[in-house]
Every structure is written in C-alpha cells, then in structure tokens.
Amino acid sequence: MNNIKFQKRNKTFVHKMAKDTNLKRLSRLWFNNSFKYEYSYHFTWLGRPIIQFPQDIIAIQEIIWKIKPDLVIETGIAHGGSLIFTASILELIGKGKVIGIDIDIRKGNKKAIQTHPLSNRIKMIQGSSISKKVFKKVNEFAKNKKKIMVILDSNHTHQHVLNELRFYSSLVTKGSYLIVLDTIIDDMPERFFNNRPWGKGNNPKSAVQEFLKTNKRFKVDKIIEKKLLISVAPEGYLKCVKK
C-alpha cells in the first residue's frame, strides 16, 4: 500500500471512529476514571516529568515536525518535561528555540533544565505570562522568526487563558498552531476541581470559545481531536488560517 492510499485509509477510519458514540463514551469514561490516579503525572520525556497524556504528546510531535517552527512559545514550565520534549523535536529538525514562561520556576527544576543536553534550544522567562513586561520580552525574541507556534498550559482560569490568547495569538504565523491544553476541564465532573480556581464555565475551553467569536485567524483543527479520542485538549488545537 503506497503512502497516499495509506493516508486515505487512515482518514476514512478516523471519520468513522469519530461517529462511534459508544467508543467516545468509553473514552470519556476511561479519561474520568484515570484522572483520580493522576495519570498524566506518570510519564517523563528524556528524564524530566512531562505531565501530559501520551496521545497529546504524539499529536504535538506531529505538528512540530510538520510545521518546523523557528520558535515555540510555551506558558507553564512545571518540571520542564514539555520544554525538553519540544527542544528534542527541534533538535531533530535542526533548528528552532523554545521559550518557557512560568510565574514560579522552582530552583531544582530550573537547574535540571539548564544542565540538560538540550538546554541550548531552551530559554526560560520567570514572570506572569500575561504581564506586559514578559510579553515584551517574548515579542522581542520573536522578531524576524518566520514560523511561530504557541502552547498554553499555565493558569487554567477563563480570564487568564483569554488574556494569554489575546496576547500570544498575534505571534502565531499562518499555517502554524495555537494549542490550548486542558480544555477538557469543561467536560469533566465539577467535583474534580473543588480545590481549584477553575471549573465548568471557567476554564481554557470557555476562553477558547469566547476568543473565537471575535478572532477569525484561527479555526479548531477537528481532525486531531477525532483521531486522538483521548485528549486533554478537545477544541484546543487551533490552526492559524490567516495572516
């Protein structure tokens, strides 16, 4: 089977799979039941905790490899696994840098990232992702970069994510992606977030929905969500379709 037929066959099955209501129900049931065991915390990437679902890791890898960005901007650093992951794909491509922004970069995590073999492709900025000062630094670094991609994964409240979207969407180049993680919060039982400042109606998905009402540069790439079935980012893979 040649590559064109292979891809066509895959596309057919993905669309059929997306219509399988029982499979979608089971996927959601599995997601909710695995959440209580902190499933996403169980994985590392080249030695650092990545705190993501494997399905989304694969999807983001596909996007980075396809786009081959000169710059990837990530909000939220935590243990640094996502930065190392992005840097590793950029290293294989042979170009590009990743900027990580976090309001509190812990000393141990910072040291581990700075001493990692892929640290040459990583820049970290400490501060709020929605502060004008931080955005100015990122904007300066983004100058003259032809392909820019953004991944949002910091504070998950509606207003914070909406502010991030308004700031960083302007940097995303046509054909690239603005990925908003943890939109799944809006689809999960409210009790899961009793001790969090976010929940139903106040989360990344609600922010994306409001953002898309007025910003026509982006459209939800639904095929990604359809083929993953299990993802923390339903409606969160936004493709930039206009300059």
Protein backbone atom coordinates (compact mmCIF):
# COMPACT_ATOMS: atom_id res chain seq x y z
CA MET A 1 0.00 0.00 0.00
CA ASN A 2 1.52 3.34 -1.04
CA ASN A 3 1.57 6.36 1.27
CA ILE A 4 -1.34 8.17 -0.40
CA LYS A 5 -3.63 5.13 -0.08
CA PHE A 6 -2.43 4.58 3.49
CA GLN A 7 -3.27 8.16 4.49
CA LYS A 8 -6.64 7.99 2.73
CA ARG A 9 -7.48 4.75 4.53
CA ASN A 10 -6.50 6.30 7.88
CA LYS A 11 -8.65 9.37 7.22
CA THR A 12 -11.65 7.17 6.45
CA PHE A 13 -11.28 5.22 9.69
CA VAL A 14 -10.75 8.39 11.74
CA HIS A 15 -14.05 9.83 10.49
CA LYS A 16 -15.84 6.54 11.16
CA MET A 17 -14.30 6.36 14.61
CA ALA A 18 -15.50 9.89 15.39
CA LYS A 19 -19.08 8.77 14.72
CA ASP A 20 -18.82 5.79 17.07
CA THR A 21 -20.77 7.13 20.05
CA ASN A 22 -20.09 4.06 22.19
CA LEU A 23 -16.33 4.34 21.66
CA LYS A 24 -16.45 8.05 22.50
CA ARG A 25 -18.44 7.29 25.65
CA LEU A 26 -15.92 4.64 26.72
CA SER A 27 -13.04 7.03 26.02
CA ARG A 28 -14.60 9.69 28.25
CA LEU A 29 -15.34 7.12 30.94
CA TRP A 30 -11.72 5.92 30.82
CA PHE A 31 -10.45 9.50 31.00
CA ASN A 32 -12.53 10.39 34.05
CA ASN A 33 -11.61 7.20 35.88
CA SER A 34 -7.87 7.55 35.18
CA PHE A 35 -7.88 11.18 36.34
CA LYS A 36 -8.18 10.26 40.02
CA TYR A 37 -4.87 8.40 39.74
CA GLU A 38 -3.09 11.47 38.30
CA TYR A 39 -2.50 9.54 35.10
CA SER A 40 -0.77 12.41 33.27
CA TYR A 41 1.89 12.65 36.01
CA HIS A 42 3.28 9.18 35.33
CA PHE A 43 5.41 9.97 32.26
CA THR A 44 8.79 11.53 31.54
CA TRP A 45 10.49 12.81 28.42
CA LEU A 46 14.26 12.34 28.30
CA GLY A 47 14.43 12.30 32.07
CA ARG A 48 12.01 15.09 33.03
CA PRO A 49 8.34 14.73 34.12
CA ILE A 50 6.20 15.92 31.22
CA ILE A 51 2.72 15.87 32.86
CA GLN A 52 0.77 15.24 29.66
CA PHE A 53 -1.31 12.47 28.16
CA PRO A 54 0.68 10.35 25.67
CA GLN A 55 -1.95 10.96 22.99
CA ASP A 56 -1.40 14.73 23.12
CA ILE A 57 2.37 14.28 23.19
CA ILE A 58 2.13 12.39 19.90
CA ALA A 59 -0.22 14.98 18.36
CA ILE A 60 2.06 17.88 19.31
CA GLN A 61 5.08 15.99 17.95
CA GLU A 62 3.28 15.59 14.63
CA ILE A 63 2.52 19.30 14.49
CA ILE A 64 6.05 20.42 15.36
CA TRP A 65 7.56 18.05 12.81
CA LYS A 66 5.14 19.24 10.11
CA ILE A 67 5.40 22.98 10.81
CA LYS A 68 9.14 23.02 11.64
CA PRO A 69 8.80 26.23 13.66
CA ASP A 70 11.63 28.66 14.27
CA LEU A 71 10.14 29.42 17.68
CA VAL A 72 7.76 27.63 20.05
CA ILE A 73 6.36 29.65 22.96
CA GLU A 74 5.08 27.69 25.96
CA THR A 75 3.34 29.09 29.02
CA GLY A 76 3.74 26.90 32.10
CA ILE A 77 7.02 25.08 32.81
CA ALA A 78 6.49 22.90 35.92
CA HIS A 79 9.23 20.20 35.87
CA GLY A 80 10.33 21.13 32.35
CA GLY A 81 9.40 17.93 30.53
CA SER A 82 7.38 19.76 27.89
CA LEU A 83 10.27 22.14 27.17
CA ILE A 84 12.66 19.20 26.83
CA PHE A 85 10.15 17.42 24.59
CA THR A 86 9.80 20.42 22.26
CA ALA A 87 13.55 21.02 22.26
CA SER A 88 14.18 17.39 21.31
CA ILE A 89 11.95 17.62 18.22
CA LEU A 90 13.55 20.93 17.25
CA GLU A 91 16.97 19.33 17.65
CA LEU A 92 15.98 16.57 15.23
CA ILE A 93 14.66 19.16 12.79
CA GLY A 94 17.95 21.03 13.16
CA LYS A 95 16.64 24.48 14.01
CA GLY A 96 14.46 26.46 16.39
CA LYS A 97 14.17 27.54 20.00
CA VAL A 98 11.52 27.08 22.67
CA ILE A 99 10.68 29.76 25.23
CA GLY A 100 9.15 28.63 28.52
CA ILE A 101 7.28 31.12 30.70
CA ASP A 102 6.29 30.50 34.30
CA ILE A 103 5.42 32.72 37.24
CA ASP A 104 7.45 30.47 39.56
CA ILE A 105 10.34 28.44 38.16
CA ARG A 106 11.50 26.22 41.01
CA LYS A 107 15.26 26.16 41.58
CA GLY A 108 15.59 22.39 41.23
CA ASN A 109 13.59 22.33 38.01
CA LYS A 110 15.46 25.30 36.60
CA LYS A 111 18.82 23.68 37.29
CA ALA A 112 17.72 20.38 35.74
CA ILE A 113 16.60 22.17 32.58
CA GLN A 114 19.72 24.32 32.36
CA THR A 115 22.01 21.30 32.68
CA HIS A 116 20.07 19.12 30.25
CA PRO A 117 21.82 18.19 26.96
CA LEU A 118 19.10 20.10 25.06
CA SER A 119 19.36 23.32 27.09
CA ASN A 120 20.90 25.15 24.13
CA ARG A 121 17.48 25.19 22.47
CA ILE A 122 15.64 26.45 25.57
CA LYS A 123 15.09 29.93 27.01
CA MET A 124 13.17 30.48 30.26
CA ILE A 125 11.40 33.61 31.45
CA GLN A 126 10.10 33.93 35.01
CA GLY A 127 7.01 36.05 35.42
CA SER A 128 3.31 36.11 34.63
CA SER A 129 2.58 35.10 31.07
CA ILE A 130 0.00 37.88 30.84
CA SER A 131 2.21 40.69 32.10
CA LYS A 132 3.15 43.33 29.53
CA LYS A 133 6.77 43.13 30.65
CA VAL A 134 7.00 39.40 29.95
CA PHE A 135 5.15 39.68 26.65
CA LYS A 136 7.50 42.46 25.55
CA LYS A 137 10.48 40.13 26.15
CA VAL A 138 8.83 37.33 24.18
CA ASN A 139 7.85 39.72 21.40
CA GLU A 140 11.44 40.92 21.07
CA PHE A 141 12.68 37.33 20.84
CA ALA A 142 10.01 36.53 18.24
CA LYS A 143 11.09 39.28 15.85
CA ASN A 144 12.08 38.06 12.38
CA LYS A 145 11.02 34.47 13.17
CA LYS A 146 9.21 33.09 10.11
CA LYS A 147 7.29 30.27 11.80
CA ILE A 148 5.98 30.60 15.34
CA MET A 149 3.88 28.17 17.37
CA VAL A 150 2.30 28.68 20.82
CA ILE A 151 1.26 26.21 23.54
CA LEU A 152 -0.76 27.49 26.52
CA ASP A 153 -0.61 25.44 29.71
CA SER A 154 -0.37 27.67 32.78
CA ASN A 155 -3.20 29.05 34.93
CA HIS A 156 -6.42 27.42 33.64
CA THR A 157 -8.99 30.07 34.62
CA HIS A 158 -11.12 31.58 31.86
CA GLN A 159 -9.79 35.12 32.17
CA HIS A 160 -6.14 34.12 32.39
CA VAL A 161 -6.32 31.91 29.30
CA LEU A 162 -8.35 34.52 27.43
CA ASN A 163 -5.69 37.12 28.20
CA GLU A 164 -2.98 34.70 27.01
CA LEU A 165 -4.92 34.07 23.81
CA ARG A 166 -5.22 37.78 23.14
CA PHE A 167 -1.50 38.31 23.78
CA TYR A 168 0.14 35.35 22.08
CA SER A 169 -2.25 34.70 19.18
CA SER A 170 -0.76 37.74 17.45
CA LEU A 171 2.61 35.96 17.27
CA VAL A 172 1.35 32.74 15.66
CA THR A 173 2.12 32.60 11.95
CA LYS A 174 -0.24 31.43 9.21
CA GLY A 175 -0.28 27.65 8.90
CA SER A 176 1.04 27.16 12.42
CA TYR A 177 -0.82 26.30 15.62
CA LEU A 178 -2.00 27.82 18.88
CA ILE A 179 -2.57 24.88 21.21
CA VAL A 180 -4.66 25.38 24.35
CA LEU A 181 -4.29 22.49 26.78
CA ASP A 182 -6.72 21.34 29.48
CA THR A 183 -9.87 22.43 27.67
CA ILE A 184 -11.15 19.04 28.89
CA ILE A 185 -11.91 20.67 32.26
CA ASP A 186 -15.22 21.91 30.84
CA ASP A 187 -16.30 18.33 30.03
CA MET A 188 -15.39 16.75 33.36
CA PRO A 189 -17.38 16.39 36.60
CA GLU A 190 -17.34 19.59 38.67
CA ARG A 191 -16.25 17.68 41.78
CA PHE A 192 -12.82 17.06 40.23
CA PHE A 193 -11.93 20.73 40.65
CA ASN A 194 -13.40 21.65 44.03
CA ASN A 195 -9.99 22.82 45.27
CA ARG A 196 -9.11 24.73 42.09
CA PRO A 197 -9.94 28.27 40.92
CA TRP A 198 -11.24 26.82 37.62
CA GLY A 199 -14.13 24.52 36.72
CA LYS A 200 -17.12 24.30 34.37
CA GLY A 201 -17.68 27.55 32.53
CA ASN A 202 -14.41 28.95 33.88
CA ASN A 203 -11.60 27.18 32.06
CA PRO A 204 -9.49 27.06 28.87
CA LYS A 205 -12.37 25.81 26.70
CA SER A 206 -14.69 28.62 27.73
CA ALA A 207 -11.83 31.04 26.97
CA VAL A 208 -11.25 29.49 23.52
CA GLN A 209 -14.93 29.72 22.69
CA GLU A 210 -15.05 33.41 23.62
CA PHE A 211 -11.79 34.11 21.79
CA LEU A 212 -13.01 32.51 18.55
CA LYS A 213 -16.15 34.68 18.49
CA THR A 214 -14.07 37.69 17.51
CA ASN A 215 -10.78 36.30 16.19
CA LYS A 216 -11.15 34.84 12.70
CA ARG A 217 -7.47 33.98 12.20
CA PHE A 218 -7.94 30.61 13.91
CA LYS A 219 -10.09 27.54 13.42
CA VAL A 220 -10.33 24.39 15.53
CA ASP A 221 -8.49 21.53 13.83
CA LYS A 222 -11.17 18.91 14.49
CA ILE A 223 -9.35 16.04 12.79
CA ILE A 224 -6.76 15.96 15.60
CA GLU A 225 -9.43 15.60 18.26
CA LYS A 226 -11.23 12.95 16.20
CA LYS A 227 -8.20 10.73 15.81
CA LEU A 228 -6.98 11.05 19.41
CA LEU A 229 -10.27 10.18 21.13
CA ILE A 230 -8.48 10.66 24.46
CA SER A 231 -7.09 14.17 24.83
CA VAL A 232 -6.78 16.95 27.39
CA ALA A 233 -7.41 19.48 24.62
CA PRO A 234 -10.76 18.99 22.86
CA GLU A 235 -11.37 22.13 20.74
CA GLY A 236 -7.92 23.25 21.83
CA TYR A 237 -5.89 22.60 18.68
CA LEU A 238 -6.28 25.90 16.86
CA LYS A 239 -4.81 26.29 13.38
CA CYS A 240 -3.91 29.76 12.14
CA VAL A 241 -5.61 30.14 8.75
CA LYS A 242 -4.98 33.84 8.09
CA LYS A 243 -2.02 36.21 8.32
